[in-house]
N, C-alpha and C. Protein backbone atom coordinates (compact mmCIF):
# COMPACT_ATOMS: atom_id res chain seq x y z
N MET A 1 -59.23 -43.23 -112.74
CA MET A 1 -59.48 -43.72 -111.65
C MET A 1 -58.55 -44.21 -110.76
N ALA A 2 -57.75 -45.19 -111.82
CA ALA A 2 -56.42 -45.46 -110.91
C ALA A 2 -55.65 -44.55 -110.20
N SER A 3 -55.60 -43.31 -110.60
CA SER A 3 -54.86 -42.07 -109.67
C SER A 3 -55.38 -41.75 -108.73
N GLY A 4 -57.13 -42.05 -108.55
CA GLY A 4 -58.04 -41.26 -107.47
C GLY A 4 -57.41 -42.59 -106.56
N ILE A 5 -57.58 -43.86 -106.63
CA ILE A 5 -57.15 -44.78 -106.02
C ILE A 5 -55.84 -44.81 -105.52
N LEU A 6 -54.58 -44.33 -105.98
CA LEU A 6 -53.58 -44.35 -105.86
C LEU A 6 -53.46 -43.18 -104.52
N GLU A 7 -54.36 -42.36 -104.79
CA GLU A 7 -53.96 -41.00 -103.87
C GLU A 7 -54.89 -41.34 -102.40
N ALA A 8 -56.00 -41.90 -102.92
CA ALA A 8 -56.57 -42.57 -101.37
C ALA A 8 -55.98 -43.48 -100.64
N ALA A 9 -55.17 -44.50 -101.56
CA ALA A 9 -54.14 -45.32 -100.50
C ALA A 9 -52.91 -44.65 -100.23
N ALA A 10 -52.35 -43.73 -100.65
CA ALA A 10 -51.45 -42.98 -100.27
C ALA A 10 -51.82 -42.19 -98.96
N ALA A 11 -52.49 -41.48 -98.58
CA ALA A 11 -53.48 -40.72 -97.79
C ALA A 11 -53.70 -42.01 -96.86
N LEU A 12 -54.37 -42.81 -96.77
CA LEU A 12 -54.53 -43.68 -95.76
C LEU A 12 -52.84 -44.69 -95.12
N ILE A 13 -52.69 -44.92 -96.07
CA ILE A 13 -51.19 -45.23 -95.61
C ILE A 13 -50.27 -44.35 -94.93
N ALA A 14 -50.71 -43.11 -95.19
CA ALA A 14 -49.63 -42.09 -94.42
C ALA A 14 -50.40 -42.05 -92.97
N GLU A 15 -51.65 -42.29 -92.74
CA GLU A 15 -52.05 -41.96 -91.64
C GLU A 15 -52.17 -43.51 -90.94
N ARG A 16 -52.34 -44.52 -91.40
CA ARG A 16 -52.33 -45.55 -90.62
C ARG A 16 -51.50 -46.97 -91.22
N GLY A 17 -50.61 -47.00 -91.83
CA GLY A 17 -49.55 -47.52 -92.14
C GLY A 17 -50.03 -48.92 -92.69
N GLU A 18 -49.04 -49.52 -92.32
CA GLU A 18 -49.55 -51.05 -92.89
C GLU A 18 -51.03 -51.91 -92.32
N SER A 19 -51.40 -51.51 -91.92
CA SER A 19 -52.47 -51.90 -91.36
C SER A 19 -54.26 -51.87 -92.27
N VAL A 20 -53.67 -50.79 -93.52
CA VAL A 20 -54.29 -50.56 -93.99
C VAL A 20 -55.02 -51.44 -95.05
N SER A 21 -56.47 -51.98 -95.11
CA SER A 21 -57.20 -53.38 -96.50
C SER A 21 -57.06 -52.87 -97.65
N MET A 22 -57.42 -53.39 -98.34
CA MET A 22 -57.71 -53.31 -99.82
C MET A 22 -59.42 -52.56 -99.92
N THR A 23 -60.35 -53.23 -98.87
CA THR A 23 -61.70 -52.40 -98.27
C THR A 23 -61.59 -51.32 -98.08
N ASP A 24 -60.83 -51.20 -97.13
CA ASP A 24 -60.34 -49.48 -96.55
C ASP A 24 -59.79 -48.63 -97.72
N VAL A 25 -59.15 -49.25 -98.58
CA VAL A 25 -58.65 -48.14 -99.85
C VAL A 25 -59.73 -48.06 -100.80
N ALA A 26 -60.61 -49.10 -101.34
CA ALA A 26 -62.03 -48.96 -101.78
C ALA A 26 -63.09 -47.94 -101.34
N THR A 27 -62.98 -47.85 -100.20
CA THR A 27 -64.00 -47.39 -99.65
C THR A 27 -63.32 -45.74 -99.38
N ALA A 28 -61.99 -45.50 -99.02
CA ALA A 28 -61.58 -44.15 -98.93
C ALA A 28 -61.79 -43.57 -100.73
N ALA A 29 -61.62 -44.48 -101.65
CA ALA A 29 -61.52 -44.25 -102.70
C ALA A 29 -62.81 -43.71 -103.94
N GLY A 30 -63.81 -44.26 -102.85
CA GLY A 30 -65.31 -44.26 -103.38
C GLY A 30 -65.60 -45.16 -104.63
N VAL A 31 -64.92 -46.14 -104.47
CA VAL A 31 -65.11 -47.53 -105.33
C VAL A 31 -65.63 -48.66 -104.83
N GLY A 32 -66.15 -49.52 -106.00
CA GLY A 32 -65.96 -50.97 -105.25
C GLY A 32 -64.98 -52.14 -105.28
N ARG A 33 -64.90 -52.69 -104.35
CA ARG A 33 -63.86 -53.80 -103.97
C ARG A 33 -63.57 -54.21 -105.48
N ALA A 34 -64.24 -54.47 -106.20
CA ALA A 34 -64.48 -55.40 -107.61
C ALA A 34 -63.62 -54.10 -108.56
N THR A 35 -63.78 -53.16 -108.67
CA THR A 35 -63.44 -51.99 -109.38
C THR A 35 -61.94 -51.79 -109.01
N LEU A 36 -61.34 -51.86 -107.47
CA LEU A 36 -60.04 -51.49 -106.94
C LEU A 36 -59.55 -52.66 -107.60
N TYR A 37 -59.80 -54.07 -107.64
CA TYR A 37 -59.00 -55.41 -108.03
C TYR A 37 -58.77 -55.34 -109.34
N ARG A 38 -59.90 -54.68 -110.46
CA ARG A 38 -59.90 -54.58 -111.78
C ARG A 38 -58.62 -53.83 -112.07
N TYR A 39 -58.10 -53.00 -111.57
CA TYR A 39 -56.86 -51.90 -111.49
C TYR A 39 -55.91 -52.49 -110.89
N PHE A 40 -55.96 -53.30 -109.61
CA PHE A 40 -55.03 -53.31 -108.72
C PHE A 40 -55.01 -54.83 -108.30
N PRO A 41 -54.88 -56.08 -108.82
CA PRO A 41 -55.43 -57.24 -108.65
C PRO A 41 -55.44 -57.67 -107.23
N SER A 42 -53.58 -57.52 -106.42
CA SER A 42 -53.60 -57.72 -105.33
C SER A 42 -52.90 -56.78 -104.38
N ARG A 43 -52.94 -56.73 -103.44
CA ARG A 43 -52.22 -55.44 -102.47
C ARG A 43 -50.84 -55.45 -102.71
N GLU A 44 -50.00 -56.25 -103.46
CA GLU A 44 -48.70 -55.53 -103.85
C GLU A 44 -49.09 -55.33 -105.26
N ALA A 45 -49.59 -55.45 -105.98
CA ALA A 45 -49.91 -54.66 -107.02
C ALA A 45 -49.57 -53.18 -106.73
N LEU A 46 -50.69 -53.12 -105.98
CA LEU A 46 -50.98 -51.89 -105.46
C LEU A 46 -49.92 -50.85 -104.87
N LEU A 47 -49.48 -52.08 -103.79
CA LEU A 47 -47.84 -51.22 -103.27
C LEU A 47 -47.03 -50.44 -104.23
N ALA A 48 -46.79 -51.84 -105.35
CA ALA A 48 -45.96 -51.27 -106.06
C ALA A 48 -46.34 -49.95 -107.07
N ALA A 49 -47.27 -50.27 -107.78
CA ALA A 49 -48.17 -49.11 -107.97
C ALA A 49 -47.95 -47.38 -107.70
N LEU A 50 -47.91 -47.49 -106.36
CA LEU A 50 -47.98 -46.50 -105.31
C LEU A 50 -46.60 -46.24 -105.23
N LEU A 51 -45.63 -47.09 -104.96
CA LEU A 51 -44.07 -46.64 -105.46
C LEU A 51 -43.81 -45.85 -106.68
N GLU A 52 -44.11 -46.94 -107.12
CA GLU A 52 -43.54 -46.11 -108.96
C GLU A 52 -44.44 -44.42 -108.65
N ALA A 53 -45.41 -44.47 -108.41
CA ALA A 53 -46.34 -42.91 -108.22
C ALA A 53 -45.43 -41.81 -107.43
N GLY A 54 -44.66 -42.74 -106.13
CA GLY A 54 -43.72 -41.88 -105.25
C GLY A 54 -42.83 -41.40 -106.04
N LEU A 55 -42.10 -42.31 -106.54
CA LEU A 55 -41.04 -42.24 -107.27
C LEU A 55 -41.00 -41.20 -108.13
N ALA A 56 -41.84 -41.17 -109.14
CA ALA A 56 -42.40 -40.54 -110.41
C ALA A 56 -42.56 -38.96 -109.49
N GLU A 57 -43.01 -38.34 -108.50
CA GLU A 57 -43.14 -37.37 -108.16
C GLU A 57 -42.07 -36.99 -107.56
N VAL A 58 -40.99 -37.83 -106.78
CA VAL A 58 -39.86 -37.24 -106.31
C VAL A 58 -39.06 -36.95 -107.85
N ALA A 59 -39.10 -37.73 -108.48
CA ALA A 59 -38.49 -37.13 -109.57
C ALA A 59 -38.43 -36.14 -110.69
N GLN A 60 -40.01 -35.85 -110.42
CA GLN A 60 -40.45 -34.59 -110.95
C GLN A 60 -40.16 -33.15 -110.10
N ARG A 61 -40.25 -33.75 -108.91
CA ARG A 61 -40.11 -32.24 -107.97
C ARG A 61 -38.47 -31.94 -107.81
N LEU A 62 -37.90 -33.05 -108.03
CA LEU A 62 -36.28 -32.51 -108.16
C LEU A 62 -36.03 -32.06 -109.50
N ALA A 63 -37.03 -32.27 -110.75
CA ALA A 63 -36.49 -31.73 -111.79
C ALA A 63 -36.76 -30.16 -111.78
N ASP A 64 -38.12 -30.28 -111.04
CA ASP A 64 -38.79 -28.68 -110.61
C ASP A 64 -37.99 -27.79 -110.05
N ALA A 65 -37.45 -28.40 -109.28
CA ALA A 65 -36.34 -27.79 -108.21
C ALA A 65 -35.13 -27.16 -108.87
N ARG A 66 -34.95 -27.49 -110.04
CA ARG A 66 -33.58 -27.00 -111.07
C ARG A 66 -32.59 -27.12 -110.10
N LEU A 67 -31.98 -28.14 -109.71
CA LEU A 67 -30.57 -28.09 -109.19
C LEU A 67 -29.48 -27.95 -109.79
N ASP A 68 -29.79 -27.99 -111.23
CA ASP A 68 -28.41 -27.78 -112.07
C ASP A 68 -28.07 -26.28 -112.22
N ASP A 69 -29.22 -25.51 -112.04
CA ASP A 69 -28.47 -23.83 -112.48
C ASP A 69 -29.11 -23.23 -111.58
N THR A 70 -28.71 -23.91 -109.80
CA THR A 70 -28.96 -23.04 -108.98
C THR A 70 -27.91 -22.93 -108.30
N PRO A 71 -27.63 -21.77 -107.15
CA PRO A 71 -26.06 -21.59 -106.42
C PRO A 71 -26.63 -22.90 -105.38
N ILE A 72 -25.18 -23.95 -104.96
CA ILE A 72 -24.97 -24.74 -104.36
C ILE A 72 -26.29 -24.58 -103.11
N PRO A 73 -25.99 -23.70 -102.32
CA PRO A 73 -26.47 -23.98 -100.99
C PRO A 73 -28.28 -23.81 -101.35
N GLU A 74 -28.82 -23.23 -102.27
CA GLU A 74 -30.17 -23.09 -102.62
C GLU A 74 -30.47 -24.41 -103.48
N ALA A 75 -29.44 -24.81 -104.54
CA ALA A 75 -29.80 -25.76 -104.27
C ALA A 75 -30.22 -27.15 -103.57
N PHE A 76 -29.26 -27.63 -102.84
CA PHE A 76 -29.40 -28.21 -101.61
C PHE A 76 -30.67 -28.16 -101.17
N ALA A 77 -31.03 -26.38 -100.55
CA ALA A 77 -32.28 -26.40 -99.89
C ALA A 77 -33.51 -26.78 -100.50
N ARG A 78 -33.30 -26.54 -102.15
CA ARG A 78 -34.50 -26.94 -103.17
C ARG A 78 -34.71 -28.89 -103.01
N GLY A 79 -33.26 -29.01 -103.26
CA GLY A 79 -33.35 -30.65 -103.46
C GLY A 79 -33.78 -31.46 -102.15
N THR A 80 -33.57 -30.99 -100.69
CA THR A 80 -33.63 -31.32 -99.34
C THR A 80 -35.67 -31.00 -99.50
N ARG A 81 -36.43 -29.86 -99.94
CA ARG A 81 -37.40 -29.84 -99.67
C ARG A 81 -38.47 -30.87 -101.09
N ALA A 82 -37.80 -30.38 -101.80
CA ALA A 82 -38.47 -31.76 -102.45
C ALA A 82 -38.27 -32.91 -102.46
N VAL A 83 -37.29 -33.67 -101.79
CA VAL A 83 -37.80 -35.04 -101.77
C VAL A 83 -38.42 -34.86 -100.32
N LEU A 84 -38.60 -34.44 -98.85
CA LEU A 84 -39.25 -34.46 -98.19
C LEU A 84 -40.65 -33.95 -98.30
N ALA A 85 -40.76 -33.13 -99.08
CA ALA A 85 -42.53 -33.29 -99.39
C ALA A 85 -42.91 -34.54 -100.26
N ALA A 86 -42.03 -35.12 -100.76
CA ALA A 86 -42.73 -36.33 -101.31
C ALA A 86 -43.04 -37.60 -100.44
N MET A 87 -41.51 -37.21 -99.43
CA MET A 87 -41.43 -38.93 -98.42
C MET A 87 -42.82 -38.42 -97.65
N LEU A 88 -43.45 -36.77 -97.31
CA LEU A 88 -44.05 -36.64 -96.43
C LEU A 88 -45.79 -37.28 -96.92
N LYS A 89 -45.83 -37.26 -98.15
CA LYS A 89 -46.65 -37.68 -99.16
C LYS A 89 -47.36 -39.16 -98.93
N TYR A 90 -46.15 -39.73 -99.08
CA TYR A 90 -45.98 -41.30 -99.22
C TYR A 90 -45.19 -41.69 -97.89
N ARG A 91 -45.44 -41.32 -96.66
CA ARG A 91 -44.38 -41.53 -95.40
C ARG A 91 -44.72 -43.09 -95.40
N GLY A 92 -45.88 -43.55 -95.34
CA GLY A 92 -46.14 -44.80 -94.81
C GLY A 92 -45.67 -45.90 -95.55
N LEU A 93 -45.17 -45.69 -96.92
CA LEU A 93 -44.56 -46.91 -97.90
C LEU A 93 -43.06 -46.65 -97.18
N GLY A 94 -42.37 -46.58 -96.51
CA GLY A 94 -40.88 -46.59 -95.70
C GLY A 94 -41.22 -47.88 -94.87
N SER A 95 -42.14 -48.30 -94.55
CA SER A 95 -42.22 -49.42 -94.23
C SER A 95 -42.42 -50.92 -94.83
N PHE A 96 -42.47 -50.83 -95.98
CA PHE A 96 -42.87 -51.82 -96.98
C PHE A 96 -41.52 -52.24 -97.39
N PRO A 97 -41.05 -53.68 -97.45
CA PRO A 97 -39.41 -53.83 -98.17
C PRO A 97 -39.58 -53.98 -99.47
N LEU A 98 -38.48 -53.37 -100.27
CA LEU A 98 -38.30 -53.32 -101.71
C LEU A 98 -37.55 -54.31 -102.39
N THR A 99 -38.22 -54.21 -103.61
CA THR A 99 -37.62 -55.47 -104.30
C THR A 99 -36.06 -55.02 -104.89
N GLN A 100 -35.65 -55.56 -105.37
CA GLN A 100 -34.12 -54.77 -106.01
C GLN A 100 -34.36 -54.07 -107.29
N ALA A 101 -35.70 -54.36 -108.04
CA ALA A 101 -35.86 -53.46 -109.00
C ALA A 101 -36.55 -52.17 -108.62
N GLN A 102 -37.10 -52.23 -107.43
CA GLN A 102 -38.18 -50.86 -106.79
C GLN A 102 -36.43 -50.35 -106.50
N LYS A 103 -35.52 -50.94 -105.74
CA LYS A 103 -34.51 -49.85 -104.83
C LYS A 103 -33.66 -49.54 -106.31
N GLN A 104 -33.78 -50.07 -107.08
CA GLN A 104 -33.14 -49.62 -108.70
C GLN A 104 -33.67 -48.00 -109.06
N ALA A 105 -34.99 -48.51 -108.91
CA ALA A 105 -35.95 -47.21 -109.38
C ALA A 105 -35.52 -46.05 -108.46
N ALA A 106 -35.40 -46.53 -107.09
CA ALA A 106 -35.65 -45.24 -106.35
C ALA A 106 -34.35 -44.60 -106.80
N ASP A 107 -33.10 -45.51 -106.87
CA ASP A 107 -31.95 -44.62 -107.22
C ASP A 107 -31.76 -44.03 -108.19
N THR A 108 -32.45 -43.97 -109.39
CA THR A 108 -32.61 -43.60 -110.65
C THR A 108 -33.45 -42.12 -110.41
N ALA A 109 -34.64 -42.37 -109.40
CA ALA A 109 -35.50 -41.19 -109.21
C ALA A 109 -34.96 -40.10 -108.81
N MET A 110 -34.47 -40.74 -107.28
CA MET A 110 -33.76 -39.40 -106.65
C MET A 110 -32.14 -39.58 -106.24
N LEU A 111 -31.73 -40.70 -106.22
CA LEU A 111 -29.83 -40.27 -106.12
C LEU A 111 -29.45 -39.81 -107.13
N ALA A 112 -29.92 -40.28 -108.56
CA ALA A 112 -28.95 -39.52 -109.54
C ALA A 112 -29.26 -38.46 -109.46
N PRO A 113 -30.66 -37.46 -109.52
CA PRO A 113 -30.33 -35.85 -109.38
C PRO A 113 -29.21 -35.36 -108.23
N LEU A 114 -29.40 -36.14 -106.88
CA LEU A 114 -28.72 -35.25 -105.97
C LEU A 114 -27.08 -35.77 -106.17
N ARG A 115 -26.80 -37.08 -106.36
CA ARG A 115 -25.46 -37.14 -106.69
C ARG A 115 -24.96 -36.09 -107.80
N ALA A 116 -25.63 -36.28 -109.02
CA ALA A 116 -25.01 -34.67 -109.94
C ALA A 116 -25.23 -33.53 -109.39
N LEU A 117 -25.94 -33.27 -108.29
CA LEU A 117 -25.48 -32.08 -107.58
C LEU A 117 -24.31 -32.00 -106.68
N PHE A 118 -24.10 -33.11 -106.00
CA PHE A 118 -22.79 -33.40 -105.55
C PHE A 118 -21.67 -33.11 -106.37
N ASP A 119 -21.62 -33.58 -107.53
CA ASP A 119 -20.92 -33.67 -108.66
C ASP A 119 -20.54 -31.97 -108.91
N ARG A 120 -21.66 -31.72 -109.06
CA ARG A 120 -21.28 -29.94 -109.30
C ARG A 120 -20.62 -29.13 -108.23
N ALA A 121 -20.92 -29.83 -106.85
CA ALA A 121 -20.92 -28.73 -105.86
C ALA A 121 -19.30 -29.09 -105.67
N ALA A 122 -18.77 -30.27 -105.92
CA ALA A 122 -17.47 -30.75 -105.79
C ALA A 122 -16.43 -29.89 -106.58
N GLU A 123 -17.14 -30.11 -108.21
CA GLU A 123 -16.27 -29.49 -109.19
C GLU A 123 -16.43 -27.77 -109.41
N GLU A 124 -17.57 -27.27 -108.53
CA GLU A 124 -17.74 -25.87 -108.08
C GLU A 124 -16.20 -25.50 -106.93
N GLY A 125 -16.08 -26.51 -106.30
CA GLY A 125 -14.85 -26.44 -105.24
C GLY A 125 -15.94 -26.16 -104.16
N ALA A 126 -17.02 -26.15 -104.02
CA ALA A 126 -17.98 -25.60 -102.71
C ALA A 126 -17.97 -26.89 -101.77
N LEU A 127 -17.49 -28.35 -102.12
CA LEU A 127 -17.42 -29.53 -100.96
C LEU A 127 -15.82 -29.16 -100.23
N ARG A 128 -15.85 -29.61 -98.89
CA ARG A 128 -15.07 -29.66 -98.19
C ARG A 128 -13.69 -30.81 -98.85
N SER A 129 -12.19 -30.71 -99.19
CA SER A 129 -11.49 -31.33 -99.70
C SER A 129 -11.37 -32.80 -98.69
N ASP A 130 -11.11 -32.09 -97.11
CA ASP A 130 -10.85 -33.25 -96.23
C ASP A 130 -11.59 -34.41 -96.35
N LEU A 131 -12.91 -34.89 -96.57
CA LEU A 131 -14.15 -35.74 -96.96
C LEU A 131 -14.44 -36.09 -98.25
N SER A 132 -14.37 -37.43 -98.28
CA SER A 132 -14.86 -38.05 -99.71
C SER A 132 -16.04 -37.31 -99.99
N ARG A 133 -16.54 -36.94 -101.23
CA ARG A 133 -17.45 -36.56 -101.83
C ARG A 133 -18.45 -37.91 -101.28
N GLU A 134 -18.16 -39.33 -101.66
CA GLU A 134 -19.15 -40.21 -101.24
C GLU A 134 -19.39 -40.25 -99.73
N ALA A 135 -18.67 -39.81 -98.75
CA ALA A 135 -18.73 -39.96 -97.33
C ALA A 135 -19.81 -38.75 -97.25
N LEU A 136 -19.68 -37.38 -97.86
CA LEU A 136 -20.83 -36.41 -97.67
C LEU A 136 -22.17 -37.02 -98.69
N VAL A 137 -22.12 -37.40 -99.19
CA VAL A 137 -23.22 -37.82 -100.14
C VAL A 137 -23.88 -39.29 -98.95
N GLU A 138 -23.12 -39.79 -98.28
CA GLU A 138 -24.09 -41.13 -97.49
C GLU A 138 -24.40 -40.45 -96.26
N VAL A 139 -23.39 -39.33 -95.96
CA VAL A 139 -24.27 -38.36 -94.54
C VAL A 139 -25.53 -37.41 -95.20
N TYR A 140 -25.38 -37.08 -96.49
CA TYR A 140 -26.95 -36.67 -96.59
C TYR A 140 -27.86 -37.24 -96.73
N LEU A 141 -27.38 -38.74 -97.30
CA LEU A 141 -28.73 -39.71 -97.54
C LEU A 141 -29.40 -40.37 -96.32
N SER A 142 -28.23 -40.33 -95.29
CA SER A 142 -28.66 -40.73 -94.16
C SER A 142 -29.75 -39.45 -93.12
N LEU A 143 -28.91 -38.54 -93.31
CA LEU A 143 -30.20 -37.46 -92.92
C LEU A 143 -31.77 -37.27 -93.31
N LEU A 144 -31.62 -37.61 -94.64
CA LEU A 144 -33.33 -37.87 -95.63
C LEU A 144 -33.58 -39.08 -95.03
N GLU A 145 -32.85 -40.27 -94.91
CA GLU A 145 -33.73 -41.36 -94.61
C GLU A 145 -33.59 -41.33 -93.19
N GLY A 146 -32.74 -40.66 -91.99
CA GLY A 146 -33.63 -40.82 -91.20
C GLY A 146 -34.70 -39.72 -90.62
N THR A 147 -34.61 -38.79 -91.53
CA THR A 147 -36.09 -38.12 -91.65
C THR A 147 -37.26 -38.95 -91.95
N ASN A 148 -36.84 -39.92 -93.08
CA ASN A 148 -38.23 -40.46 -93.79
C ASN A 148 -38.74 -41.49 -92.73
N ALA A 149 -37.81 -41.88 -91.69
CA ALA A 149 -37.91 -42.97 -90.88
C ALA A 149 -38.73 -42.47 -89.57
N ARG A 150 -38.56 -41.31 -89.12
CA ARG A 150 -38.73 -40.41 -88.17
C ARG A 150 -40.23 -40.48 -89.20
N VAL A 151 -40.33 -39.56 -90.09
CA VAL A 151 -42.14 -39.70 -90.72
C VAL A 151 -43.02 -40.62 -90.51
N THR A 152 -42.32 -41.75 -91.17
CA THR A 152 -42.92 -43.33 -91.04
C THR A 152 -43.90 -43.70 -89.71
N LEU A 153 -42.74 -43.20 -88.77
CA LEU A 153 -43.45 -43.41 -87.29
C LEU A 153 -43.63 -42.60 -86.44
N GLY A 154 -44.58 -40.99 -87.38
CA GLY A 154 -45.29 -40.35 -87.09
C GLY A 154 -44.56 -39.14 -86.46
N GLY A 155 -43.43 -39.14 -86.77
CA GLY A 155 -42.88 -38.08 -86.68
C GLY A 155 -42.90 -36.72 -87.42
N LEU A 156 -42.30 -35.60 -86.79
CA LEU A 156 -42.22 -34.11 -87.99
C LEU A 156 -43.77 -33.95 -87.17
N GLY A 157 -44.76 -34.71 -87.04
CA GLY A 157 -46.03 -33.48 -86.74
C GLY A 157 -46.08 -32.56 -87.51
N SER A 158 -46.59 -31.67 -86.45
CA SER A 158 -46.60 -30.06 -86.81
C SER A 158 -45.08 -29.60 -87.65
N LEU A 159 -44.57 -29.92 -87.40
CA LEU A 159 -43.06 -29.35 -88.09
C LEU A 159 -43.16 -29.00 -89.58
N GLY A 160 -43.81 -29.52 -90.38
CA GLY A 160 -43.39 -29.80 -91.41
C GLY A 160 -42.33 -29.84 -92.38
N VAL A 161 -42.95 -29.72 -94.03
CA VAL A 161 -41.88 -29.80 -94.91
C VAL A 161 -40.76 -28.83 -94.92
N GLU A 162 -41.18 -27.06 -94.93
CA GLU A 162 -40.32 -26.33 -94.78
C GLU A 162 -39.12 -26.19 -93.77
N PRO A 163 -39.94 -26.20 -92.50
CA PRO A 163 -38.97 -26.28 -91.59
C PRO A 163 -38.04 -27.60 -91.36
N ALA A 164 -38.35 -28.55 -91.40
CA ALA A 164 -37.59 -29.83 -91.74
C ALA A 164 -36.40 -29.34 -92.55
N ALA A 165 -36.75 -29.48 -93.84
CA ALA A 165 -35.97 -29.07 -94.66
C ALA A 165 -34.82 -27.76 -95.06
N ALA A 166 -34.96 -26.77 -93.91
CA ALA A 166 -34.21 -26.18 -93.15
C ALA A 166 -33.10 -26.34 -92.74
N ALA A 167 -33.59 -27.02 -91.62
CA ALA A 167 -33.27 -27.92 -90.31
C ALA A 167 -31.76 -28.55 -91.10
N ILE A 168 -32.46 -29.53 -92.21
CA ILE A 168 -31.58 -30.39 -92.66
C ILE A 168 -30.64 -29.78 -93.55
N THR A 169 -31.01 -28.87 -94.22
CA THR A 169 -30.04 -28.12 -95.35
C THR A 169 -29.01 -27.49 -94.28
N GLU A 170 -29.22 -26.59 -93.66
CA GLU A 170 -28.73 -25.91 -92.64
C GLU A 170 -27.43 -26.70 -91.63
N VAL A 171 -27.74 -27.94 -91.29
CA VAL A 171 -27.11 -28.82 -90.58
C VAL A 171 -26.12 -29.61 -91.50
N PHE A 172 -26.53 -29.59 -92.56
CA PHE A 172 -26.02 -30.45 -93.40
C PHE A 172 -24.72 -29.73 -93.97
N LEU A 173 -25.09 -28.43 -94.95
CA LEU A 173 -24.09 -27.48 -95.39
C LEU A 173 -23.06 -26.55 -94.17
N ARG A 174 -23.24 -26.74 -93.20
CA ARG A 174 -22.43 -25.94 -92.10
C ARG A 174 -21.16 -27.11 -92.07
N GLY A 175 -21.39 -28.04 -92.22
CA GLY A 175 -20.58 -29.32 -92.41
C GLY A 175 -19.72 -29.83 -93.32
N ALA A 176 -20.34 -29.46 -94.60
CA ALA A 176 -20.13 -30.18 -95.75
C ALA A 176 -19.39 -29.16 -96.67
N LEU A 177 -19.96 -27.67 -96.65
CA LEU A 177 -19.44 -26.50 -97.79
C LEU A 177 -17.61 -26.38 -96.97
N ALA A 178 -16.98 -25.97 -98.20
CA ALA A 178 -15.81 -25.49 -98.33
C ALA A 178 -15.98 -24.59 -97.23
N GLY A 179 -14.99 -23.84 -96.44
CA GLY A 179 -14.71 -22.33 -96.14
C GLY A 179 -15.45 -22.07 -94.84
């Protein structure tokens, strides 16, 4: 039941943003308010659970992308698609403030696998040597976070995950790869 409530909440927040009420979530999930509050005693508890679900999904998508045993350009493409797909599903969450613990959880779920990809790319000599790895990581993350901001504001529209991921990957790799 909790997963159905979270799915309904994710869809509503993606569609309407911060204005979604607990009553809206209960209605969309097909449960009464008492049932909703039994699982999630407050709006903050619901948002925290939704963030946790989103982070678990991005972590799983990144694991499924097999970034560690794929050629570097394809690994970046897969990683970008994985992150953008999760961002699109949970797009309304970008407007809510994160606690320090939630930021740390986001680092673990998303940043650790991506940093490992950058480490591997550097070890293989695939990255430009005239730019620091940290600078390249920050530029890449800025592209993803900028896209997340656009998604939160209703951007991407009909563009979809695949074309957006392809554009980000192409633009980033043209500037980041050696040779």
